[in-house]
Amino acid sequence: ALPLLEEKEVVFSAEQTYELMRCLEDFASRRPVWREPGVQRIQEDVENTKLEMLRLALARNLGRAIIKEGSLEGS
């Protein structure tokens, strides 16, 4: 979904973006927490970075979708 979220044109509507956000948070809340150091800790950091990138892309897309949908209603 990340490449689609970064497109110049809005691909996902605000409603669809909210649903993707909900799914992402459901997924994130069910992830296991690593307790051991080393490779697993690095893997957890990578996963956290991916989640944050998706959250940011979803937030940006949501803003663009709200603006687009709001401007269409006013037309």
PDB file of N, CA and C in Angstrom:
ATOM      1  N   ALA A   1       0.817  -1.205   0.000  1.00  0.00           N
ATOM      2  CA  ALA A   1       0.000   0.000   0.000  1.00  0.00           C
ATOM      3  C   ALA A   1       0.857   1.265   0.000  1.00  0.00           C
ATOM      4  N   LEU A   2       2.081   1.182   0.480  1.00  0.00           N
ATOM      5  CA  LEU A   2       2.915   2.379   0.604  1.00  0.00           C
ATOM      6  C   LEU A   2       3.126   3.094  -0.735  1.00  0.00           C
ATOM      7  N   PRO A   3       3.464   2.401  -1.826  1.00  0.00           N
ATOM      8  CA  PRO A   3       3.611   3.123  -3.098  1.00  0.00           C
ATOM      9  C   PRO A   3       2.332   3.832  -3.531  1.00  0.00           C
ATOM     10  N   LEU A   4       1.189   3.227  -3.290  1.00  0.00           N
ATOM     11  CA  LEU A   4      -0.080   3.862  -3.655  1.00  0.00           C
ATOM     12  C   LEU A   4      -0.365   5.077  -2.781  1.00  0.00           C
ATOM     13  N   LEU A   5       0.029   5.010  -1.523  1.00  0.00           N
ATOM     14  CA  LEU A   5      -0.181   6.135  -0.616  1.00  0.00           C
ATOM     15  C   LEU A   5       0.706   7.320  -0.979  1.00  0.00           C
ATOM     16  N   GLU A   6       1.823   7.065  -1.621  1.00  0.00           N
ATOM     17  CA  GLU A   6       2.761   8.128  -1.982  1.00  0.00           C
ATOM     18  C   GLU A   6       2.518   8.697  -3.378  1.00  0.00           C
ATOM     19  N   GLU A   7       1.522   8.198  -4.092  1.00  0.00           N
ATOM     20  CA  GLU A   7       1.181   8.726  -5.416  1.00  0.00           C
ATOM     21  C   GLU A   7       0.741  10.185  -5.298  1.00  0.00           C
ATOM     22  N   LYS A   8       0.970  10.944  -6.370  1.00  0.00           N
ATOM     23  CA  LYS A   8       0.521  12.342  -6.363  1.00  0.00           C
ATOM     24  C   LYS A   8      -0.999  12.423  -6.342  1.00  0.00           C
ATOM     25  N   GLU A   9      -1.638  11.550  -7.103  1.00  0.00           N
ATOM     26  CA  GLU A   9      -3.098  11.487  -7.104  1.00  0.00           C
ATOM     27  C   GLU A   9      -3.571  10.664  -5.906  1.00  0.00           C
ATOM     28  N   VAL A  10      -4.670  11.075  -5.318  1.00  0.00           N
ATOM     29  CA  VAL A  10      -5.227  10.342  -4.181  1.00  0.00           C
ATOM     30  C   VAL A  10      -5.843   9.044  -4.699  1.00  0.00           C
ATOM     31  N   VAL A  11      -5.349   7.915  -4.192  1.00  0.00           N
ATOM     32  CA  VAL A  11      -5.838   6.606  -4.611  1.00  0.00           C
ATOM     33  C   VAL A  11      -6.903   6.106  -3.638  1.00  0.00           C
ATOM     34  N   PHE A  12      -6.661   6.313  -2.346  1.00  0.00           N
ATOM     35  CA  PHE A  12      -7.585   5.849  -1.311  1.00  0.00           C
ATOM     36  C   PHE A  12      -8.415   7.021  -0.799  1.00  0.00           C
ATOM     37  N   SER A  13      -9.715   6.809  -0.673  1.00  0.00           N
ATOM     38  CA  SER A  13     -10.594   7.835  -0.115  1.00  0.00           C
ATOM     39  C   SER A  13     -10.318   7.978   1.383  1.00  0.00           C
ATOM     40  N   ALA A  14     -10.916   8.989   1.988  1.00  0.00           N
ATOM     41  CA  ALA A  14     -10.751   9.180   3.428  1.00  0.00           C
ATOM     42  C   ALA A  14     -11.271   7.952   4.177  1.00  0.00           C
ATOM     43  N   GLU A  15     -12.410   7.440   3.757  1.00  0.00           N
ATOM     44  CA  GLU A  15     -12.991   6.263   4.409  1.00  0.00           C
ATOM     45  C   GLU A  15     -12.071   5.047   4.286  1.00  0.00           C
ATOM     46  N   GLN A  16     -11.527   4.844   3.103  1.00  0.00           N
ATOM     47  CA  GLN A  16     -10.602   3.726   2.889  1.00  0.00           C
ATOM     48  C   GLN A  16      -9.320   3.913   3.704  1.00  0.00           C
ATOM     49  N   THR A  17      -8.865   5.152   3.810  1.00  0.00           N
ATOM     50  CA  THR A  17      -7.651   5.432   4.583  1.00  0.00           C
ATOM     51  C   THR A  17      -7.888   5.141   6.056  1.00  0.00           C
ATOM     52  N   TYR A  18      -9.049   5.546   6.575  1.00  0.00           N
ATOM     53  CA  TYR A  18      -9.380   5.230   7.966  1.00  0.00           C
ATOM     54  C   TYR A  18      -9.380   3.719   8.199  1.00  0.00           C
ATOM     55  N   GLU A  19      -9.911   2.971   7.237  1.00  0.00           N
ATOM     56  CA  GLU A  19      -9.944   1.510   7.363  1.00  0.00           C
ATOM     57  C   GLU A  19      -8.531   0.932   7.354  1.00  0.00           C
ATOM     58  N   LEU A  20      -7.679   1.445   6.481  1.00  0.00           N
ATOM     59  CA  LEU A  20      -6.279   0.993   6.462  1.00  0.00           C
ATOM     60  C   LEU A  20      -5.584   1.328   7.788  1.00  0.00           C
ATOM     61  N   MET A  21      -5.872   2.504   8.334  1.00  0.00           N
ATOM     62  CA  MET A  21      -5.291   2.888   9.627  1.00  0.00           C
ATOM     63  C   MET A  21      -5.742   1.926  10.730  1.00  0.00           C
ATOM     64  N   ARG A  22      -7.032   1.592  10.705  1.00  0.00           N
ATOM     65  CA  ARG A  22      -7.555   0.666  11.707  1.00  0.00           C
ATOM     66  C   ARG A  22      -6.883  -0.694  11.584  1.00  0.00           C
ATOM     67  N   CYS A  23      -6.729  -1.176  10.373  1.00  0.00           N
ATOM     68  CA  CYS A  23      -6.073  -2.470  10.152  1.00  0.00           C
ATOM     69  C   CYS A  23      -4.618  -2.434  10.612  1.00  0.00           C
ATOM     70  N   LEU A  24      -3.932  -1.341  10.325  1.00  0.00           N
ATOM     71  CA  LEU A  24      -2.538  -1.215  10.740  1.00  0.00           C
ATOM     72  C   LEU A  24      -2.421  -1.230  12.259  1.00  0.00           C
ATOM     73  N   GLU A  25      -3.297  -0.508  12.936  1.00  0.00           N
ATOM     74  CA  GLU A  25      -3.241  -0.472  14.401  1.00  0.00           C
ATOM     75  C   GLU A  25      -3.624  -1.820  15.008  1.00  0.00           C
ATOM     76  N   ASP A  26      -4.578  -2.517  14.387  1.00  0.00           N
ATOM     77  CA  ASP A  26      -4.910  -3.875  14.851  1.00  0.00           C
ATOM     78  C   ASP A  26      -3.700  -4.790  14.724  1.00  0.00           C
ATOM     79  N   PHE A  27      -3.029  -4.701  13.579  1.00  0.00           N
ATOM     80  CA  PHE A  27      -1.830  -5.509  13.350  1.00  0.00           C
ATOM     81  C   PHE A  27      -0.737  -5.157  14.365  1.00  0.00           C
ATOM     82  N   ALA A  28      -0.509  -3.869  14.556  1.00  0.00           N
ATOM     83  CA  ALA A  28       0.561  -3.416  15.458  1.00  0.00           C
ATOM     84  C   ALA A  28       0.295  -3.833  16.905  1.00  0.00           C
ATOM     85  N   SER A  29      -0.955  -3.847  17.297  1.00  0.00           N
ATOM     86  CA  SER A  29      -1.283  -4.204  18.683  1.00  0.00           C
ATOM     87  C   SER A  29      -1.122  -5.705  18.942  1.00  0.00           C
ATOM     88  N   ARG A  30      -1.106  -6.501  17.894  1.00  0.00           N
ATOM     89  CA  ARG A  30      -0.977  -7.960  18.052  1.00  0.00           C
ATOM     90  C   ARG A  30       0.436  -8.472  17.846  1.00  0.00           C
ATOM     91  N   ARG A  31       1.361  -7.570  17.492  1.00  0.00           N
ATOM     92  CA  ARG A  31       2.747  -7.990  17.268  1.00  0.00           C
ATOM     93  C   ARG A  31       3.391  -8.419  18.571  1.00  0.00           C
ATOM     94  N   PRO A  32       4.202  -9.456  18.525  1.00  0.00           N
ATOM     95  CA  PRO A  32       4.912  -9.860  19.743  1.00  0.00           C
ATOM     96  C   PRO A  32       5.989  -8.840  20.107  1.00  0.00           C
ATOM     97  N   VAL A  33       6.235  -8.712  21.377  1.00  0.00           N
ATOM     98  CA  VAL A  33       7.297  -7.830  21.860  1.00  0.00           C
ATOM     99  C   VAL A  33       8.525  -8.690  22.107  1.00  0.00           C
ATOM    100  N   TRP A  34       9.638  -8.340  21.457  1.00  0.00           N
ATOM    101  CA  TRP A  34      10.872  -9.103  21.602  1.00  0.00           C
ATOM    102  C   TRP A  34      11.527  -8.756  22.931  1.00  0.00           C
ATOM    103  N   ARG A  35      11.958  -9.776  23.647  1.00  0.00           N
ATOM    104  CA  ARG A  35      12.599  -9.565  24.945  1.00  0.00           C
ATOM    105  C   ARG A  35      14.100  -9.843  24.902  1.00  0.00           C
ATOM    106  N   GLU A  36      14.562 -10.406  23.797  1.00  0.00           N
ATOM    107  CA  GLU A  36      15.975 -10.785  23.719  1.00  0.00           C
ATOM    108  C   GLU A  36      16.756  -9.745  22.920  1.00  0.00           C
ATOM    109  N   PRO A  37      18.002  -9.493  23.298  1.00  0.00           N
ATOM    110  CA  PRO A  37      18.821  -8.533  22.564  1.00  0.00           C
ATOM    111  C   PRO A  37      19.336  -9.123  21.253  1.00  0.00           C
ATOM    112  N   GLY A  38      20.051  -8.331  20.516  1.00  0.00           N
ATOM    113  CA  GLY A  38      20.709  -8.835  19.311  1.00  0.00           C
ATOM    114  C   GLY A  38      19.871  -8.687  18.081  1.00  0.00           C
ATOM    115  N   VAL A  39      19.863  -9.729  17.264  1.00  0.00           N
ATOM    116  CA  VAL A  39      19.206  -9.706  15.957  1.00  0.00           C
ATOM    117  C   VAL A  39      17.720  -9.414  16.102  1.00  0.00           C
ATOM    118  N   GLN A  40      17.091  -9.984  17.090  1.00  0.00           N
ATOM    119  CA  GLN A  40      15.658  -9.769  17.257  1.00  0.00           C
ATOM    120  C   GLN A  40      15.351  -8.304  17.559  1.00  0.00           C
ATOM    121  N   ARG A  41      16.223  -7.657  18.311  1.00  0.00           N
ATOM    122  CA  ARG A  41      16.036  -6.239  18.625  1.00  0.00           C
ATOM    123  C   ARG A  41      16.164  -5.402  17.352  1.00  0.00           C
ATOM    124  N   ILE A  42      17.103  -5.736  16.503  1.00  0.00           N
ATOM    125  CA  ILE A  42      17.276  -5.031  15.233  1.00  0.00           C
ATOM    126  C   ILE A  42      16.039  -5.242  14.363  1.00  0.00           C
ATOM    127  N   GLN A  43      15.546  -6.467  14.341  1.00  0.00           N
ATOM    128  CA  GLN A  43      14.350  -6.784  13.556  1.00  0.00           C
ATOM    129  C   GLN A  43      13.153  -5.970  14.077  1.00  0.00           C
ATOM    130  N   GLU A  44      13.032  -5.856  15.378  1.00  0.00           N
ATOM    131  CA  GLU A  44      11.937  -5.074  15.960  1.00  0.00           C
ATOM    132  C   GLU A  44      12.059  -3.599  15.560  1.00  0.00           C
ATOM    133  N   ASP A  45      13.272  -3.059  15.565  1.00  0.00           N
ATOM    134  CA  ASP A  45      13.482  -1.667  15.159  1.00  0.00           C
ATOM    135  C   ASP A  45      13.088  -1.455  13.704  1.00  0.00           C
ATOM    136  N   VAL A  46      13.419  -2.410  12.843  1.00  0.00           N
ATOM    137  CA  VAL A  46      13.055  -2.321  11.430  1.00  0.00           C
ATOM    138  C   VAL A  46      11.538  -2.348  11.281  1.00  0.00           C
ATOM    139  N   GLU A  47      10.890  -3.237  12.003  1.00  0.00           N
ATOM    140  CA  GLU A  47       9.429  -3.329  11.933  1.00  0.00           C
ATOM    141  C   GLU A  47       8.786  -2.037  12.441  1.00  0.00           C
ATOM    142  N   ASN A  48       9.314  -1.472  13.513  1.00  0.00           N
ATOM    143  CA  ASN A  48       8.777  -0.217  14.037  1.00  0.00           C
ATOM    144  C   ASN A  48       8.944   0.912  13.032  1.00  0.00           C
ATOM    145  N   THR A  49      10.067   0.942  12.340  1.00  0.00           N
ATOM    146  CA  THR A  49      10.303   1.961  11.320  1.00  0.00           C
ATOM    147  C   THR A  49       9.303   1.810  10.183  1.00  0.00           C
ATOM    148  N   LYS A  50       9.040   0.584   9.768  1.00  0.00           N
ATOM    149  CA  LYS A  50       8.055   0.340   8.709  1.00  0.00           C
ATOM    150  C   LYS A  50       6.666   0.808   9.138  1.00  0.00           C
ATOM    151  N   LEU A  51       6.303   0.503  10.375  1.00  0.00           N
ATOM    152  CA  LEU A  51       4.998   0.935  10.880  1.00  0.00           C
ATOM    153  C   LEU A  51       4.890   2.454  10.890  1.00  0.00           C
ATOM    154  N   GLU A  52       5.939   3.116  11.327  1.00  0.00           N
ATOM    155  CA  GLU A  52       5.920   4.579  11.373  1.00  0.00           C
ATOM    156  C   GLU A  52       5.841   5.178   9.973  1.00  0.00           C
ATOM    157  N   MET A  53       6.533   4.580   9.012  1.00  0.00           N
ATOM    158  CA  MET A  53       6.457   5.055   7.627  1.00  0.00           C
ATOM    159  C   MET A  53       5.037   4.903   7.082  1.00  0.00           C
ATOM    160  N   LEU A  54       4.407   3.781   7.382  1.00  0.00           N
ATOM    161  CA  LEU A  54       3.023   3.575   6.937  1.00  0.00           C
ATOM    162  C   LEU A  54       2.074   4.549   7.620  1.00  0.00           C
ATOM    163  N   ARG A  55       2.259   4.776   8.906  1.00  0.00           N
ATOM    164  CA  ARG A  55       1.411   5.737   9.622  1.00  0.00           C
ATOM    165  C   ARG A  55       1.529   7.131   9.013  1.00  0.00           C
ATOM    166  N   LEU A  56       2.752   7.548   8.731  1.00  0.00           N
ATOM    167  CA  LEU A  56       2.969   8.861   8.139  1.00  0.00           C
ATOM    168  C   LEU A  56       2.331   8.952   6.754  1.00  0.00           C
ATOM    169  N   ALA A  57       2.516   7.923   5.935  1.00  0.00           N
ATOM    170  CA  ALA A  57       1.925   7.916   4.596  1.00  0.00           C
ATOM    171  C   ALA A  57       0.404   7.926   4.678  1.00  0.00           C
ATOM    172  N   LEU A  58      -0.159   7.197   5.622  1.00  0.00           N
ATOM    173  CA  LEU A  58      -1.613   7.188   5.795  1.00  0.00           C
ATOM    174  C   LEU A  58      -2.124   8.557   6.242  1.00  0.00           C
ATOM    175  N   ALA A  59      -1.411   9.196   7.148  1.00  0.00           N
ATOM    176  CA  ALA A  59      -1.818  10.524   7.616  1.00  0.00           C
ATOM    177  C   ALA A  59      -1.772  11.537   6.476  1.00  0.00           C
ATOM    178  N   ARG A  60      -0.727  11.493   5.675  1.00  0.00           N
ATOM    179  CA  ARG A  60      -0.623  12.400   4.530  1.00  0.00           C
ATOM    180  C   ARG A  60      -1.760  12.151   3.536  1.00  0.00           C
ATOM    181  N   ASN A  61      -1.992  10.873   3.247  1.00  0.00           N
ATOM    182  CA  ASN A  61      -3.055  10.527   2.311  1.00  0.00           C
ATOM    183  C   ASN A  61      -4.413  10.969   2.848  1.00  0.00           C
ATOM    184  N   LEU A  62      -4.626  10.799   4.129  1.00  0.00           N
ATOM    185  CA  LEU A  62      -5.896  11.201   4.725  1.00  0.00           C
ATOM    186  C   LEU A  62      -6.107  12.701   4.541  1.00  0.00           C
ATOM    187  N   GLY A  63      -5.086  13.482   4.805  1.00  0.00           N
ATOM    188  CA  GLY A  63      -5.202  14.919   4.620  1.00  0.00           C
ATOM    189  C   GLY A  63      -5.529  15.286   3.179  1.00  0.00           C
ATOM    190  N   ARG A  64      -4.827  14.675   2.236  1.00  0.00           N
ATOM    191  CA  ARG A  64      -5.084  14.958   0.819  1.00  0.00           C
ATOM    192  C   ARG A  64      -6.485  14.509   0.418  1.00  0.00           C
ATOM    193  N   ALA A  65      -6.913  13.344   0.926  1.00  0.00           N
ATOM    194  CA  ALA A  65      -8.240  12.826   0.583  1.00  0.00           C
ATOM    195  C   ALA A  65      -9.346  13.727   1.135  1.00  0.00           C
ATOM    196  N   ILE A  66      -9.171  14.200   2.352  1.00  0.00           N
ATOM    197  CA  ILE A  66     -10.173  15.086   2.956  1.00  0.00           C
ATOM    198  C   ILE A  66     -10.268  16.386   2.159  1.00  0.00           C
ATOM    199  N   ILE A  67      -9.121  16.934   1.778  1.00  0.00           N
ATOM    200  CA  ILE A  67      -9.126  18.164   0.987  1.00  0.00           C
ATOM    201  C   ILE A  67      -9.801  17.927  -0.356  1.00  0.00           C
ATOM    202  N   LYS A  68      -9.445  16.830  -1.029  1.00  0.00           N
ATOM    203  CA  LYS A  68     -10.032  16.524  -2.337  1.00  0.00           C
ATOM    204  C   LYS A  68     -11.536  16.305  -2.224  1.00  0.00           C
ATOM    205  N   GLU A  69     -11.949  15.520  -1.248  1.00  0.00           N
ATOM    206  CA  GLU A  69     -13.375  15.232  -1.098  1.00  0.00           C
ATOM    207  C   GLU A  69     -14.140  16.481  -0.692  1.00  0.00           C
ATOM    208  N   GLY A  70     -13.536  17.325   0.114  1.00  0.00           N
ATOM    209  CA  GLY A  70     -14.189  18.576   0.497  1.00  0.00           C
ATOM    210  C   GLY A  70     -14.333  19.528  -0.670  1.00  0.00           C
ATOM    211  N   SER A  71     -13.337  19.567  -1.534  1.00  0.00           N
ATOM    212  CA  SER A  71     -13.411  20.464  -2.695  1.00  0.00           C
ATOM    213  C   SER A  71     -14.400  19.938  -3.737  1.00  0.00           C
ATOM    214  N   LEU A  72     -14.582  18.628  -3.807  1.00  0.00           N
ATOM    215  CA  LEU A  72     -15.557  18.058  -4.743  1.00  0.00           C
ATOM    216  C   LEU A  72     -16.970  18.355  -4.293  1.00  0.00           C
ATOM    217  N   GLU A  73     -17.219  18.368  -2.979  1.00  0.00           N
ATOM    218  CA  GLU A  73     -18.562  18.654  -2.462  1.00  0.00           C
ATOM    219  C   GLU A  73     -18.932  20.099  -2.715  1.00  0.00           C
ATOM    220  N   GLY A  74     -17.957  20.989  -2.688  1.00  0.00           N
ATOM    221  CA  GLY A  74     -18.232  22.404  -2.901  1.00  0.00           C
ATOM    222  C   GLY A  74     -18.430  22.766  -4.353  1.00  0.00           C
ATOM    223  N   SER A  75     -18.129  21.854  -5.261  1.00  0.00           N
ATOM    224  CA  SER A  75     -18.227  22.144  -6.701  1.00  0.00           C
ATOM    225  C   SER A  75     -19.644  22.075  -7.190  1.00  0.00           C
TER     226      SER A  75
END
